[in-house]
């Protein structure tokens, strides 16, 4: 297989411009990151060893859909992979926990092995060397697959990988969203006023 030349977008202006073409909003993607990080922080020593990753994945996937699904994006489960999709531009986005993000020296690796479904899903990305210029022009039935990659320190990027052997083998494009420095030291789920259960009155029943 030919070596994939990775396009890395680091500057705020170029990331915002690219996200606009992908019909995604940076603020909303950062909210997804914050929700996932906060969920991981809920794991205690009494939880199973994989609890932090499980919580982060479940709440991260929920938040991705909660923030994005609407007029342009809808829920999708291709090959058993939980995702969102935009039919108009033939783009799908999947949430993933990774070891590092937004690091020029190290490409992100998933914190859990990717299955055959993910490899099949990203098959069209193999032919994406010209993707940054032509991503909005679908070639036949093909889809472009991005992963919202969240690292434990809060760094997050939106990237288009090639999946092989259970991991991200290479990347066509990487969009650096945050190095994690914008997170508070103790991340908390943000709630709107109407979401706070001020009037909740628990009822205790005797056995």
C-alpha atoms as a PDB file:
ATOM      1  CA  UNK A   1       0.000   0.000   0.000  1.00  0.00           C
ATOM      2  CA  UNK A   2       1.267   3.465  -0.884  1.00  0.00           C
ATOM      3  CA  UNK A   3       2.327   5.656   2.002  1.00  0.00           C
ATOM      4  CA  UNK A   4      -0.445   8.057   2.971  1.00  0.00           C
ATOM      5  CA  UNK A   5       0.702  11.664   3.239  1.00  0.00           C
ATOM      6  CA  UNK A   6      -0.944  13.199   6.285  1.00  0.00           C
ATOM      7  CA  UNK A   7      -2.334  16.704   6.126  1.00  0.00           C
ATOM      8  CA  UNK A   8      -2.212  18.327   9.584  1.00  0.00           C
ATOM      9  CA  UNK A   9      -4.246  21.448  10.339  1.00  0.00           C
ATOM     10  CA  UNK A  10      -3.079  23.206  13.515  1.00  0.00           C
ATOM     11  CA  UNK A  11      -3.920  26.888  13.147  1.00  0.00           C
ATOM     12  CA  UNK A  12      -7.291  28.100  14.432  1.00  0.00           C
ATOM     13  CA  UNK A  13      -8.296  29.732  11.161  1.00  0.00           C
ATOM     14  CA  UNK A  14      -7.581  26.690   9.002  1.00  0.00           C
ATOM     15  CA  UNK A  15      -9.243  24.295  11.450  1.00  0.00           C
ATOM     16  CA  UNK A  16     -12.375  26.468  11.581  1.00  0.00           C
ATOM     17  CA  UNK A  17     -12.477  26.697   7.789  1.00  0.00           C
ATOM     18  CA  UNK A  18     -12.158  22.948   7.410  1.00  0.00           C
ATOM     19  CA  UNK A  19     -14.824  22.265  10.039  1.00  0.00           C
ATOM     20  CA  UNK A  20     -17.176  24.609   8.202  1.00  0.00           C
ATOM     21  CA  UNK A  21     -16.767  22.503   5.048  1.00  0.00           C
ATOM     22  CA  UNK A  22     -17.439  19.375   7.101  1.00  0.00           C
ATOM     23  CA  UNK A  23     -20.539  21.079   8.566  1.00  0.00           C
ATOM     24  CA  UNK A  24     -19.247  20.660  12.127  1.00  0.00           C
ATOM     25  CA  UNK A  25     -18.860  23.131  14.982  1.00  0.00           C
ATOM     26  CA  UNK A  26     -15.691  23.293  17.066  1.00  0.00           C
ATOM     27  CA  UNK A  27     -17.437  24.437  20.234  1.00  0.00           C
ATOM     28  CA  UNK A  28     -19.815  21.487  20.072  1.00  0.00           C
ATOM     29  CA  UNK A  29     -16.967  19.035  19.474  1.00  0.00           C
ATOM     30  CA  UNK A  30     -15.142  20.416  22.500  1.00  0.00           C
ATOM     31  CA  UNK A  31     -18.310  19.913  24.543  1.00  0.00           C
ATOM     32  CA  UNK A  32     -18.277  16.261  23.457  1.00  0.00           C
ATOM     33  CA  UNK A  33     -14.668  16.017  24.672  1.00  0.00           C
ATOM     34  CA  UNK A  34     -15.519  17.610  28.013  1.00  0.00           C
ATOM     35  CA  UNK A  35     -18.461  15.272  28.550  1.00  0.00           C
ATOM     36  CA  UNK A  36     -16.324  12.218  27.816  1.00  0.00           C
ATOM     37  CA  UNK A  37     -13.518  13.358  30.139  1.00  0.00           C
ATOM     38  CA  UNK A  38     -15.994  14.101  32.935  1.00  0.00           C
ATOM     39  CA  UNK A  39     -17.576  10.658  32.540  1.00  0.00           C
ATOM     40  CA  UNK A  40     -14.183   8.961  32.757  1.00  0.00           C
ATOM     41  CA  UNK A  41     -13.509  10.853  35.992  1.00  0.00           C
ATOM     42  CA  UNK A  42     -16.561   9.163  37.538  1.00  0.00           C
ATOM     43  CA  UNK A  43     -14.744   5.816  37.628  1.00  0.00           C
ATOM     44  CA  UNK A  44     -13.567   4.804  41.121  1.00  0.00           C
ATOM     45  CA  UNK A  45     -11.161   2.101  42.318  1.00  0.00           C
ATOM     46  CA  UNK A  46     -14.230  -0.054  43.014  1.00  0.00           C
ATOM     47  CA  UNK A  47     -15.265   0.002  39.355  1.00  0.00           C
ATOM     48  CA  UNK A  48     -13.902  -2.541  36.842  1.00  0.00           C
ATOM     49  CA  UNK A  49     -10.478  -1.672  35.424  1.00  0.00           C
ATOM     50  CA  UNK A  50     -11.940  -0.628  32.077  1.00  0.00           C
ATOM     51  CA  UNK A  51     -14.673   1.550  33.580  1.00  0.00           C
ATOM     52  CA  UNK A  52     -13.081   4.915  32.763  1.00  0.00           C
ATOM     53  CA  UNK A  53     -12.729   4.015  29.098  1.00  0.00           C
ATOM     54  CA  UNK A  54     -16.212   2.514  28.961  1.00  0.00           C
ATOM     55  CA  UNK A  55     -17.809   5.563  30.601  1.00  0.00           C
ATOM     56  CA  UNK A  56     -15.878   7.907  28.315  1.00  0.00           C
ATOM     57  CA  UNK A  57     -16.876   6.008  25.164  1.00  0.00           C
ATOM     58  CA  UNK A  58     -20.547   5.692  26.078  1.00  0.00           C
ATOM     59  CA  UNK A  59     -20.982   9.309  27.159  1.00  0.00           C
ATOM     60  CA  UNK A  60     -18.733  10.579  24.365  1.00  0.00           C
ATOM     61  CA  UNK A  61     -20.839   8.798  21.750  1.00  0.00           C
ATOM     62  CA  UNK A  62     -24.010  10.110  23.388  1.00  0.00           C
ATOM     63  CA  UNK A  63     -22.629  13.665  23.446  1.00  0.00           C
ATOM     64  CA  UNK A  64     -21.507  13.481  19.811  1.00  0.00           C
ATOM     65  CA  UNK A  65     -25.069  12.651  18.813  1.00  0.00           C
ATOM     66  CA  UNK A  66     -26.635  15.044  21.290  1.00  0.00           C
ATOM     67  CA  UNK A  67     -24.560  17.957  20.000  1.00  0.00           C
ATOM     68  CA  UNK A  68     -24.678  17.187  16.272  1.00  0.00           C
ATOM     69  CA  UNK A  69     -27.771  15.192  15.281  1.00  0.00           C
ATOM     70  CA  UNK A  70     -30.435  17.354  13.728  1.00  0.00           C
ATOM     71  CA  UNK A  71     -31.017  18.857  10.314  1.00  0.00           C
ATOM     72  CA  UNK A  72     -27.657  17.835   8.824  1.00  0.00           C
ATOM     73  CA  UNK A  73     -26.516  14.850  10.893  1.00  0.00           C
ATOM     74  CA  UNK A  74     -28.266  11.621  11.896  1.00  0.00           C
ATOM     75  CA  UNK A  75     -27.505   8.507  13.943  1.00  0.00           C
ATOM     76  CA  UNK A  76     -25.732   5.709  12.090  1.00  0.00           C
ATOM     77  CA  UNK A  77     -24.462   2.223  13.014  1.00  0.00           C
ATOM     78  CA  UNK A  78     -22.460   0.991  10.014  1.00  0.00           C
ATOM     79  CA  UNK A  79     -20.943  -2.473  10.507  1.00  0.00           C
ATOM     80  CA  UNK A  80     -21.928  -2.244  14.169  1.00  0.00           C
ATOM     81  CA  UNK A  81     -19.869   0.930  14.680  1.00  0.00           C
ATOM     82  CA  UNK A  82     -21.723   3.683  16.554  1.00  0.00           C
ATOM     83  CA  UNK A  83     -21.491   6.895  14.525  1.00  0.00           C
ATOM     84  CA  UNK A  84     -23.234   9.910  13.045  1.00  0.00           C
ATOM     85  CA  UNK A  85     -23.526  10.605   9.328  1.00  0.00           C
ATOM     86  CA  UNK A  86     -24.132  13.504   6.982  1.00  0.00           C
ATOM     87  CA  UNK A  87     -25.782  12.220   3.824  1.00  0.00           C
ATOM     88  CA  UNK A  88     -25.264  15.438   1.853  1.00  0.00           C
ATOM     89  CA  UNK A  89     -21.455  15.412   2.075  1.00  0.00           C
ATOM     90  CA  UNK A  90     -21.026  11.634   2.589  1.00  0.00           C
ATOM     91  CA  UNK A  91     -19.128  12.007   5.868  1.00  0.00           C
ATOM     92  CA  UNK A  92     -19.400   9.910   9.032  1.00  0.00           C
ATOM     93  CA  UNK A  93     -17.942  10.674  12.473  1.00  0.00           C
ATOM     94  CA  UNK A  94     -17.128   8.161  15.221  1.00  0.00           C
ATOM     95  CA  UNK A  95     -16.024   8.811  18.810  1.00  0.00           C
ATOM     96  CA  UNK A  96     -12.791   7.182  20.025  1.00  0.00           C
ATOM     97  CA  UNK A  97     -10.607   7.194  23.124  1.00  0.00           C
ATOM     98  CA  UNK A  98      -6.929   7.474  22.187  1.00  0.00           C
ATOM     99  CA  UNK A  99      -3.595   7.590  23.988  1.00  0.00           C
ATOM    100  CA  UNK A 100      -2.465  10.988  22.682  1.00  0.00           C
ATOM    101  CA  UNK A 101      -3.876  13.705  20.442  1.00  0.00           C
ATOM    102  CA  UNK A 102      -2.620  16.890  18.785  1.00  0.00           C
ATOM    103  CA  UNK A 103       0.982  15.666  18.945  1.00  0.00           C
ATOM    104  CA  UNK A 104       3.214  15.987  15.883  1.00  0.00           C
ATOM    105  CA  UNK A 105       5.636  13.382  17.204  1.00  0.00           C
ATOM    106  CA  UNK A 106       3.069  10.649  17.890  1.00  0.00           C
ATOM    107  CA  UNK A 107      -0.004   9.623  15.931  1.00  0.00           C
ATOM    108  CA  UNK A 108      -3.034   8.679  18.055  1.00  0.00           C
ATOM    109  CA  UNK A 109      -3.607   5.019  18.849  1.00  0.00           C
ATOM    110  CA  UNK A 110      -6.991   3.720  20.046  1.00  0.00           C
ATOM    111  CA  UNK A 111      -7.163   2.691  23.694  1.00  0.00           C
ATOM    112  CA  UNK A 112      -9.162  -0.373  22.658  1.00  0.00           C
ATOM    113  CA  UNK A 113      -8.668  -2.586  19.628  1.00  0.00           C
ATOM    114  CA  UNK A 114     -10.697  -1.681  16.572  1.00  0.00           C
ATOM    115  CA  UNK A 115     -12.656  -4.566  15.069  1.00  0.00           C
ATOM    116  CA  UNK A 116     -13.238  -5.698  11.514  1.00  0.00           C
ATOM    117  CA  UNK A 117     -16.291  -3.446  11.293  1.00  0.00           C
ATOM    118  CA  UNK A 118     -14.154  -0.334  11.827  1.00  0.00           C
ATOM    119  CA  UNK A 119     -11.608  -1.548   9.284  1.00  0.00           C
ATOM    120  CA  UNK A 120     -14.317  -2.065   6.671  1.00  0.00           C
ATOM    121  CA  UNK A 121     -15.881   1.252   7.546  1.00  0.00           C
ATOM    122  CA  UNK A 122     -12.636   3.135   6.887  1.00  0.00           C
ATOM    123  CA  UNK A 123     -11.759   1.226   3.717  1.00  0.00           C
ATOM    124  CA  UNK A 124     -12.587   4.188   1.466  1.00  0.00           C
ATOM    125  CA  UNK A 125     -10.138   6.347   3.436  1.00  0.00           C
ATOM    126  CA  UNK A 126      -7.344   4.261   1.887  1.00  0.00           C
ATOM    127  CA  UNK A 127      -7.897   6.147  -1.331  1.00  0.00           C
ATOM    128  CA  UNK A 128      -7.994   9.528   0.304  1.00  0.00           C
ATOM    129  CA  UNK A 129      -4.645  11.105  -0.499  1.00  0.00           C
ATOM    130  CA  UNK A 130      -6.547  13.874  -2.289  1.00  0.00           C
ATOM    131  CA  UNK A 131      -9.214  13.912   0.428  1.00  0.00           C
ATOM    132  CA  UNK A 132      -8.541  17.381   1.871  1.00  0.00           C
ATOM    133  CA  UNK A 133      -9.345  18.962  -1.498  1.00  0.00           C
ATOM    134  CA  UNK A 134     -12.133  16.668  -2.650  1.00  0.00           C
ATOM    135  CA  UNK A 135     -13.782  15.419   0.526  1.00  0.00           C
ATOM    136  CA  UNK A 136     -17.054  17.137  -0.308  1.00  0.00           C
ATOM    137  CA  UNK A 137     -17.272  15.413  -3.693  1.00  0.00           C
ATOM    138  CA  UNK A 138     -18.315  11.819  -3.085  1.00  0.00           C
ATOM    139  CA  UNK A 139     -16.919   9.193  -5.434  1.00  0.00           C
ATOM    140  CA  UNK A 140     -19.819   6.808  -6.051  1.00  0.00           C
ATOM    141  CA  UNK A 141     -21.121   5.230  -2.854  1.00  0.00           C
ATOM    142  CA  UNK A 142     -17.987   5.950  -0.848  1.00  0.00           C
ATOM    143  CA  UNK A 143     -17.957   7.652   2.544  1.00  0.00           C
ATOM    144  CA  UNK A 144     -15.241   9.641   4.278  1.00  0.00           C
ATOM    145  CA  UNK A 145     -14.806   8.523   7.902  1.00  0.00           C
ATOM    146  CA  UNK A 146     -13.541  10.798  10.664  1.00  0.00           C
ATOM    147  CA  UNK A 147     -12.910   9.931  14.303  1.00  0.00           C
ATOM    148  CA  UNK A 148     -13.264  12.443  17.118  1.00  0.00           C
ATOM    149  CA  UNK A 149     -10.202  11.339  19.103  1.00  0.00           C
ATOM    150  CA  UNK A 150     -10.056  12.207  22.807  1.00  0.00           C
ATOM    151  CA  UNK A 151      -6.944  11.655  24.946  1.00  0.00           C
ATOM    152  CA  UNK A 152      -6.935  11.304  28.772  1.00  0.00           C
ATOM    153  CA  UNK A 153      -5.429  14.797  29.213  1.00  0.00           C
ATOM    154  CA  UNK A 154      -8.290  16.401  27.261  1.00  0.00           C
ATOM    155  CA  UNK A 155      -6.420  16.837  23.996  1.00  0.00           C
ATOM    156  CA  UNK A 156      -8.767  16.242  21.081  1.00  0.00           C
ATOM    157  CA  UNK A 157      -8.524  16.065  17.326  1.00  0.00           C
ATOM    158  CA  UNK A 158     -10.862  15.241  14.450  1.00  0.00           C
ATOM    159  CA  UNK A 159      -8.968  12.958  12.123  1.00  0.00           C
ATOM    160  CA  UNK A 160      -9.412  10.744   9.083  1.00  0.00           C
ATOM    161  CA  UNK A 161      -7.555   7.449   9.693  1.00  0.00           C
ATOM    162  CA  UNK A 162      -6.834   4.204   7.930  1.00  0.00           C
ATOM    163  CA  UNK A 163      -7.720   1.300  10.258  1.00  0.00           C
ATOM    164  CA  UNK A 164      -5.708  -1.892   9.913  1.00  0.00           C
ATOM    165  CA  UNK A 165      -4.763  -4.645  12.345  1.00  0.00           C
ATOM    166  CA  UNK A 166      -7.031  -3.265  15.054  1.00  0.00           C
ATOM    167  CA  UNK A 167      -5.411   0.162  15.184  1.00  0.00           C
ATOM    168  CA  UNK A 168      -5.059   3.473  13.353  1.00  0.00           C
ATOM    169  CA  UNK A 169      -2.325   2.589  10.879  1.00  0.00           C
ATOM    170  CA  UNK A 170      -2.013   5.958   9.185  1.00  0.00           C
ATOM    171  CA  UNK A 171      -3.848   9.231   8.701  1.00  0.00           C
ATOM    172  CA  UNK A 172      -5.077  11.155   5.691  1.00  0.00           C
ATOM    173  CA  UNK A 173      -5.954  14.283   7.660  1.00  0.00           C
ATOM    174  CA  UNK A 174      -5.698  15.521  11.257  1.00  0.00           C
ATOM    175  CA  UNK A 175      -7.475  18.591  12.644  1.00  0.00           C
ATOM    176  CA  UNK A 176      -6.095  19.774  15.996  1.00  0.00           C
ATOM    177  CA  UNK A 177      -9.008  21.048  18.107  1.00  0.00           C
ATOM    178  CA  UNK A 178      -7.371  21.416  21.540  1.00  0.00           C
ATOM    179  CA  UNK A 179      -4.260  20.314  23.416  1.00  0.00           C
ATOM    180  CA  UNK A 180      -6.366  19.996  26.578  1.00  0.00           C
ATOM    181  CA  UNK A 181      -5.136  23.192  28.232  1.00  0.00           C
ATOM    182  CA  UNK A 182      -8.607  24.737  28.002  1.00  0.00           C
ATOM    183  CA  UNK A 183     -10.070  22.162  30.416  1.00  0.00           C
ATOM    184  CA  UNK A 184     -10.555  22.928  34.094  1.00  0.00           C
ATOM    185  CA  UNK A 185      -8.437  20.907  36.530  1.00  0.00           C
ATOM    186  CA  UNK A 186     -11.577  19.085  37.631  1.00  0.00           C
ATOM    187  CA  UNK A 187     -13.839  18.712  34.589  1.00  0.00           C
ATOM    188  CA  UNK A 188     -17.555  18.828  35.296  1.00  0.00           C
ATOM    189  CA  UNK A 189     -20.576  18.124  33.134  1.00  0.00           C
ATOM    190  CA  UNK A 190     -22.141  21.427  32.149  1.00  0.00           C
ATOM    191  CA  UNK A 191     -25.876  21.594  32.839  1.00  0.00           C
ATOM    192  CA  UNK A 192     -28.371  24.177  31.723  1.00  0.00           C
ATOM    193  CA  UNK A 193     -30.584  25.652  34.453  1.00  0.00           C
ATOM    194  CA  UNK A 194     -33.528  23.572  33.281  1.00  0.00           C
ATOM    195  CA  UNK A 195     -31.449  20.413  33.587  1.00  0.00           C
ATOM    196  CA  UNK A 196     -30.658  20.854  37.291  1.00  0.00           C
ATOM    197  CA  UNK A 197     -32.917  18.702  39.433  1.00  0.00           C
ATOM    198  CA  UNK A 198     -33.745  21.358  42.048  1.00  0.00           C
ATOM    199  CA  UNK A 199     -37.254  19.990  42.609  1.00  0.00           C
ATOM    200  CA  UNK A 200     -36.279  16.340  42.760  1.00  0.00           C
ATOM    201  CA  UNK A 201     -37.784  14.711  45.869  1.00  0.00           C
ATOM    202  CA  UNK A 202     -36.499  11.159  46.393  1.00  0.00           C
ATOM    203  CA  UNK A 203     -38.956   8.730  47.945  1.00  0.00           C
ATOM    204  CA  UNK A 204     -37.631   6.068  50.301  1.00  0.00           C
ATOM    205  CA  UNK A 205     -39.660   2.900  50.681  1.00  0.00           C
ATOM    206  CA  UNK A 206     -39.240   0.334  53.450  1.00  0.00           C
ATOM    207  CA  UNK A 207     -38.472  -3.228  52.417  1.00  0.00           C
END
